[in-house]
Amino acid sequence: MKTVRETNSKFIKIRCPKCKNEQIMFGKSSSMVKCLVCAKPLAEPTGGKSRVKARILEVLE
């Protein structure tokens, strides 16, 4: 029987400080996350959790 490991990684809902667009990103993204509307950088990878430069509205389970 195989055991399933639960992860600590979550999706987060963030809001762009420039244009107020809301979008969902992965908390441990391995690439730069930019706003889909104005292309402002919202998060950068650090090797683990992303460094978020926007307001976090909600952590999605």
PDB file of N, CA and C in Angstrom:
ATOM      1  N   MET A   1       0.839  -1.177   0.000  1.00  0.00           N
ATOM      2  CA  MET A   1       0.000   0.000   0.000  1.00  0.00           C
ATOM      3  C   MET A   1       0.888   1.246   0.000  1.00  0.00           C
ATOM      4  N   LYS A   2       0.604   2.179  -0.904  1.00  0.00           N
ATOM      5  CA  LYS A   2       1.368   3.419  -0.986  1.00  0.00           C
ATOM      6  C   LYS A   2       0.730   4.489  -0.109  1.00  0.00           C
ATOM      7  N   THR A   3       1.572   5.273   0.543  1.00  0.00           N
ATOM      8  CA  THR A   3       1.048   6.379   1.334  1.00  0.00           C
ATOM      9  C   THR A   3       1.140   7.666   0.514  1.00  0.00           C
ATOM     10  N   VAL A   4       0.148   8.499   0.653  1.00  0.00           N
ATOM     11  CA  VAL A   4       0.113   9.766  -0.071  1.00  0.00           C
ATOM     12  C   VAL A   4       0.560  10.854   0.888  1.00  0.00           C
ATOM     13  N   ARG A   5       1.590  11.597   0.467  1.00  0.00           N
ATOM     14  CA  ARG A   5       2.111  12.670   1.307  1.00  0.00           C
ATOM     15  C   ARG A   5       1.377  13.960   0.999  1.00  0.00           C
ATOM     16  N   GLU A   6       0.976  14.671   2.025  1.00  0.00           N
ATOM     17  CA  GLU A   6       0.341  15.969   1.826  1.00  0.00           C
ATOM     18  C   GLU A   6       1.407  17.039   1.760  1.00  0.00           C
ATOM     19  N   THR A   7       1.201  18.027   0.887  1.00  0.00           N
ATOM     20  CA  THR A   7       2.194  19.078   0.721  1.00  0.00           C
ATOM     21  C   THR A   7       1.815  20.304   1.537  1.00  0.00           C
ATOM     22  N   ASN A   8       2.810  21.141   1.805  1.00  0.00           N
ATOM     23  CA  ASN A   8       2.580  22.395   2.525  1.00  0.00           C
ATOM     24  C   ASN A   8       2.401  23.556   1.566  1.00  0.00           C
ATOM     25  N   SER A   9       2.511  23.297   0.275  1.00  0.00           N
ATOM     26  CA  SER A   9       2.415  24.365  -0.717  1.00  0.00           C
ATOM     27  C   SER A   9       0.953  24.700  -0.998  1.00  0.00           C
ATOM     28  N   LYS A  10       0.693  25.984  -1.158  1.00  0.00           N
ATOM     29  CA  LYS A  10      -0.679  26.466  -1.349  1.00  0.00           C
ATOM     30  C   LYS A  10      -0.742  27.427  -2.523  1.00  0.00           C
ATOM     31  N   PHE A  11      -1.944  27.654  -2.995  1.00  0.00           N
ATOM     32  CA  PHE A  11      -2.195  28.710  -3.963  1.00  0.00           C
ATOM     33  C   PHE A  11      -2.624  29.945  -3.183  1.00  0.00           C
ATOM     34  N   ILE A  12      -2.225  31.120  -3.666  1.00  0.00           N
ATOM     35  CA  ILE A  12      -2.608  32.349  -2.982  1.00  0.00           C
ATOM     36  C   ILE A  12      -3.233  33.322  -3.971  1.00  0.00           C
ATOM     37  N   LYS A  13      -4.206  34.071  -3.487  1.00  0.00           N
ATOM     38  CA  LYS A  13      -4.842  35.111  -4.296  1.00  0.00           C
ATOM     39  C   LYS A  13      -4.184  36.432  -3.937  1.00  0.00           C
ATOM     40  N   ILE A  14      -3.683  37.145  -4.962  1.00  0.00           N
ATOM     41  CA  ILE A  14      -2.973  38.398  -4.738  1.00  0.00           C
ATOM     42  C   ILE A  14      -3.606  39.517  -5.551  1.00  0.00           C
ATOM     43  N   ARG A  15      -3.334  40.767  -5.135  1.00  0.00           N
ATOM     44  CA  ARG A  15      -3.858  41.940  -5.835  1.00  0.00           C
ATOM     45  C   ARG A  15      -2.696  42.821  -6.250  1.00  0.00           C
ATOM     46  N   CYS A  16      -2.685  43.226  -7.513  1.00  0.00           N
ATOM     47  CA  CYS A  16      -1.643  44.104  -8.041  1.00  0.00           C
ATOM     48  C   CYS A  16      -1.774  45.483  -7.402  1.00  0.00           C
ATOM     49  N   PRO A  17      -0.671  46.055  -6.881  1.00  0.00           N
ATOM     50  CA  PRO A  17      -0.758  47.379  -6.267  1.00  0.00           C
ATOM     51  C   PRO A  17      -0.958  48.504  -7.281  1.00  0.00           C
ATOM     52  N   LYS A  18      -0.644  48.248  -8.544  1.00  0.00           N
ATOM     53  CA  LYS A  18      -0.743  49.286  -9.564  1.00  0.00           C
ATOM     54  C   LYS A  18      -2.142  49.367 -10.178  1.00  0.00           C
ATOM     55  N   CYS A  19      -2.661  48.239 -10.671  1.00  0.00           N
ATOM     56  CA  CYS A  19      -3.948  48.267 -11.393  1.00  0.00           C
ATOM     57  C   CYS A  19      -5.083  47.566 -10.647  1.00  0.00           C
ATOM     58  N   LYS A  20      -4.810  47.024  -9.460  1.00  0.00           N
ATOM     59  CA  LYS A  20      -5.817  46.370  -8.599  1.00  0.00           C
ATOM     60  C   LYS A  20      -6.389  45.078  -9.192  1.00  0.00           C
ATOM     61  N   ASN A  21      -5.698  44.494 -10.173  1.00  0.00           N
ATOM     62  CA  ASN A  21      -6.126  43.220 -10.732  1.00  0.00           C
ATOM     63  C   ASN A  21      -5.874  42.116  -9.707  1.00  0.00           C
ATOM     64  N   GLU A  22      -6.824  41.184  -9.573  1.00  0.00           N
ATOM     65  CA  GLU A  22      -6.664  40.051  -8.674  1.00  0.00           C
ATOM     66  C   GLU A  22      -6.355  38.814  -9.491  1.00  0.00           C
ATOM     67  N   GLN A  23      -5.379  38.036  -9.025  1.00  0.00           N
ATOM     68  CA  GLN A  23      -5.058  36.792  -9.712  1.00  0.00           C
ATOM     69  C   GLN A  23      -4.555  35.777  -8.705  1.00  0.00           C
ATOM     70  N   ILE A  24      -4.502  34.522  -9.128  1.00  0.00           N
ATOM     71  CA  ILE A  24      -4.103  33.422  -8.270  1.00  0.00           C
ATOM     72  C   ILE A  24      -2.747  32.922  -8.736  1.00  0.00           C
ATOM     73  N   MET A  25      -1.845  32.691  -7.764  1.00  0.00           N
ATOM     74  CA  MET A  25      -0.520  32.172  -8.080  1.00  0.00           C
ATOM     75  C   MET A  25      -0.172  31.052  -7.118  1.00  0.00           C
ATOM     76  N   PHE A  26       0.816  30.253  -7.496  1.00  0.00           N
ATOM     77  CA  PHE A  26       1.310  29.188  -6.645  1.00  0.00           C
ATOM     78  C   PHE A  26       2.301  29.774  -5.653  1.00  0.00           C
ATOM     79  N   GLY A  27       2.208  29.398  -4.399  1.00  0.00           N
ATOM     80  CA  GLY A  27       3.043  29.971  -3.360  1.00  0.00           C
ATOM     81  C   GLY A  27       4.525  29.685  -3.506  1.00  0.00           C
ATOM     82  N   LYS A  28       4.880  28.607  -4.203  1.00  0.00           N
ATOM     83  CA  LYS A  28       6.285  28.243  -4.402  1.00  0.00           C
ATOM     84  C   LYS A  28       6.620  28.260  -5.890  1.00  0.00           C
ATOM     85  N   SER A  29       6.242  29.300  -6.584  1.00  0.00           N
ATOM     86  CA  SER A  29       6.480  29.368  -8.029  1.00  0.00           C
ATOM     87  C   SER A  29       7.973  29.464  -8.319  1.00  0.00           C
ATOM     88  N   SER A  30       8.398  28.827  -9.396  1.00  0.00           N
ATOM     89  CA  SER A  30       9.818  28.789  -9.747  1.00  0.00           C
ATOM     90  C   SER A  30      10.164  29.792 -10.840  1.00  0.00           C
ATOM     91  N   SER A  31       9.212  30.625 -11.210  1.00  0.00           N
ATOM     92  CA  SER A  31       9.478  31.660 -12.210  1.00  0.00           C
ATOM     93  C   SER A  31       8.852  32.976 -11.751  1.00  0.00           C
ATOM     94  N   MET A  32       9.258  34.068 -12.375  1.00  0.00           N
ATOM     95  CA  MET A  32       8.751  35.397 -12.030  1.00  0.00           C
ATOM     96  C   MET A  32       7.247  35.460 -12.348  1.00  0.00           C
ATOM     97  N   VAL A  33       6.464  35.984 -11.418  1.00  0.00           N
ATOM     98  CA  VAL A  33       5.023  36.144 -11.623  1.00  0.00           C
ATOM     99  C   VAL A  33       4.758  37.617 -11.900  1.00  0.00           C
ATOM    100  N   LYS A  34       4.128  37.904 -13.055  1.00  0.00           N
ATOM    101  CA  LYS A  34       3.804  39.277 -13.430  1.00  0.00           C
ATOM    102  C   LYS A  34       2.292  39.432 -13.506  1.00  0.00           C
ATOM    103  N   CYS A  35       1.834  40.670 -13.331  1.00  0.00           N
ATOM    104  CA  CYS A  35       0.411  40.974 -13.452  1.00  0.00           C
ATOM    105  C   CYS A  35      -0.027  40.703 -14.889  1.00  0.00           C
ATOM    106  N   LEU A  36      -1.193  40.112 -15.036  1.00  0.00           N
ATOM    107  CA  LEU A  36      -1.703  39.777 -16.368  1.00  0.00           C
ATOM    108  C   LEU A  36      -2.216  40.999 -17.113  1.00  0.00           C
ATOM    109  N   VAL A  37      -2.473  42.100 -16.409  1.00  0.00           N
ATOM    110  CA  VAL A  37      -3.013  43.304 -17.034  1.00  0.00           C
ATOM    111  C   VAL A  37      -1.905  44.313 -17.348  1.00  0.00           C
ATOM    112  N   CYS A  38      -1.105  44.663 -16.329  1.00  0.00           N
ATOM    113  CA  CYS A  38      -0.120  45.733 -16.517  1.00  0.00           C
ATOM    114  C   CYS A  38       1.329  45.237 -16.554  1.00  0.00           C
ATOM    115  N   ALA A  39       1.572  43.969 -16.385  1.00  0.00           N
ATOM    116  CA  ALA A  39       2.887  43.321 -16.452  1.00  0.00           C
ATOM    117  C   ALA A  39       3.850  43.766 -15.353  1.00  0.00           C
ATOM    118  N   LYS A  40       3.345  44.289 -14.241  1.00  0.00           N
ATOM    119  CA  LYS A  40       4.196  44.645 -13.094  1.00  0.00           C
ATOM    120  C   LYS A  40       4.607  43.351 -12.390  1.00  0.00           C
ATOM    121  N   PRO A  41       5.888  43.198 -12.019  1.00  0.00           N
ATOM    122  CA  PRO A  41       6.317  41.999 -11.287  1.00  0.00           C
ATOM    123  C   PRO A  41       5.638  41.913  -9.915  1.00  0.00           C
ATOM    124  N   LEU A  42       5.015  40.786  -9.632  1.00  0.00           N
ATOM    125  CA  LEU A  42       4.289  40.610  -8.375  1.00  0.00           C
ATOM    126  C   LEU A  42       4.995  39.665  -7.421  1.00  0.00           C
ATOM    127  N   ALA A  43       5.781  38.722  -7.942  1.00  0.00           N
ATOM    128  CA  ALA A  43       6.493  37.771  -7.087  1.00  0.00           C
ATOM    129  C   ALA A  43       7.729  37.266  -7.811  1.00  0.00           C
ATOM    130  N   GLU A  44       8.762  36.978  -7.023  1.00  0.00           N
ATOM    131  CA  GLU A  44       9.989  36.447  -7.604  1.00  0.00           C
ATOM    132  C   GLU A  44      10.380  35.173  -6.869  1.00  0.00           C
ATOM    133  N   PRO A  45      10.982  34.223  -7.572  1.00  0.00           N
ATOM    134  CA  PRO A  45      11.356  32.957  -6.933  1.00  0.00           C
ATOM    135  C   PRO A  45      12.576  33.127  -6.039  1.00  0.00           C
ATOM    136  N   THR A  46      12.651  32.325  -4.975  1.00  0.00           N
ATOM    137  CA  THR A  46      13.793  32.374  -4.064  1.00  0.00           C
ATOM    138  C   THR A  46      14.413  31.000  -3.868  1.00  0.00           C
ATOM    139  N   GLY A  47      13.882  29.983  -4.499  1.00  0.00           N
ATOM    140  CA  GLY A  47      14.358  28.624  -4.279  1.00  0.00           C
ATOM    141  C   GLY A  47      13.400  27.838  -3.400  1.00  0.00           C
ATOM    142  N   GLY A  48      12.567  28.527  -2.650  1.00  0.00           N
ATOM    143  CA  GLY A  48      11.540  27.908  -1.803  1.00  0.00           C
ATOM    144  C   GLY A  48      10.245  28.649  -2.045  1.00  0.00           C
ATOM    145  N   LYS A  49       9.752  29.295  -1.008  1.00  0.00           N
ATOM    146  CA  LYS A  49       8.554  30.123  -1.164  1.00  0.00           C
ATOM    147  C   LYS A  49       8.895  31.368  -1.965  1.00  0.00           C
ATOM    148  N   SER A  50       7.931  31.852  -2.727  1.00  0.00           N
ATOM    149  CA  SER A  50       8.144  33.052  -3.537  1.00  0.00           C
ATOM    150  C   SER A  50       8.140  34.299  -2.664  1.00  0.00           C
ATOM    151  N   ARG A  51       8.896  35.307  -3.085  1.00  0.00           N
ATOM    152  CA  ARG A  51       8.876  36.609  -2.410  1.00  0.00           C
ATOM    153  C   ARG A  51       7.788  37.436  -3.084  1.00  0.00           C
ATOM    154  N   VAL A  52       6.678  37.634  -2.385  1.00  0.00           N
ATOM    155  CA  VAL A  52       5.504  38.300  -2.952  1.00  0.00           C
ATOM    156  C   VAL A  52       5.616  39.801  -2.720  1.00  0.00           C
ATOM    157  N   LYS A  53       5.426  40.575  -3.787  1.00  0.00           N
ATOM    158  CA  LYS A  53       5.498  42.034  -3.719  1.00  0.00           C
ATOM    159  C   LYS A  53       4.124  42.662  -3.879  1.00  0.00           C
ATOM    160  N   ALA A  54       3.081  41.894  -3.679  1.00  0.00           N
ATOM    161  CA  ALA A  54       1.705  42.372  -3.816  1.00  0.00           C
ATOM    162  C   ALA A  54       0.945  42.025  -2.538  1.00  0.00           C
ATOM    163  N   ARG A  55      -0.248  42.563  -2.415  1.00  0.00           N
ATOM    164  CA  ARG A  55      -1.071  42.264  -1.242  1.00  0.00           C
ATOM    165  C   ARG A  55      -1.672  40.863  -1.379  1.00  0.00           C
ATOM    166  N   ILE A  56      -1.516  40.061  -0.345  1.00  0.00           N
ATOM    167  CA  ILE A  56      -2.102  38.724  -0.317  1.00  0.00           C
ATOM    168  C   ILE A  56      -3.510  38.853   0.227  1.00  0.00           C
ATOM    169  N   LEU A  57      -4.476  38.448  -0.587  1.00  0.00           N
ATOM    170  CA  LEU A  57      -5.883  38.561  -0.183  1.00  0.00           C
ATOM    171  C   LEU A  57      -6.373  37.313   0.522  1.00  0.00           C
ATOM    172  N   GLU A  58      -5.916  36.136   0.052  1.00  0.00           N
ATOM    173  CA  GLU A  58      -6.475  34.901   0.583  1.00  0.00           C
ATOM    174  C   GLU A  58      -5.505  33.753   0.296  1.00  0.00           C
ATOM    175  N   VAL A  59      -5.414  32.819   1.200  1.00  0.00           N
ATOM    176  CA  VAL A  59      -4.658  31.587   0.990  1.00  0.00           C
ATOM    177  C   VAL A  59      -5.673  30.494   0.702  1.00  0.00           C
ATOM    178  N   LEU A  60      -5.553  29.890  -0.475  1.00  0.00           N
ATOM    179  CA  LEU A  60      -6.521  28.883  -0.909  1.00  0.00           C
ATOM    180  C   LEU A  60      -6.033  27.494  -0.504  1.00  0.00           C
ATOM    181  N   GLU A  61      -6.929  26.699   0.029  1.00  0.00           N
ATOM    182  CA  GLU A  61      -6.581  25.346   0.474  1.00  0.00           C
ATOM    183  C   GLU A  61      -6.642  24.361  -0.658  1.00  0.00           C
TER     184      GLU A  61
END
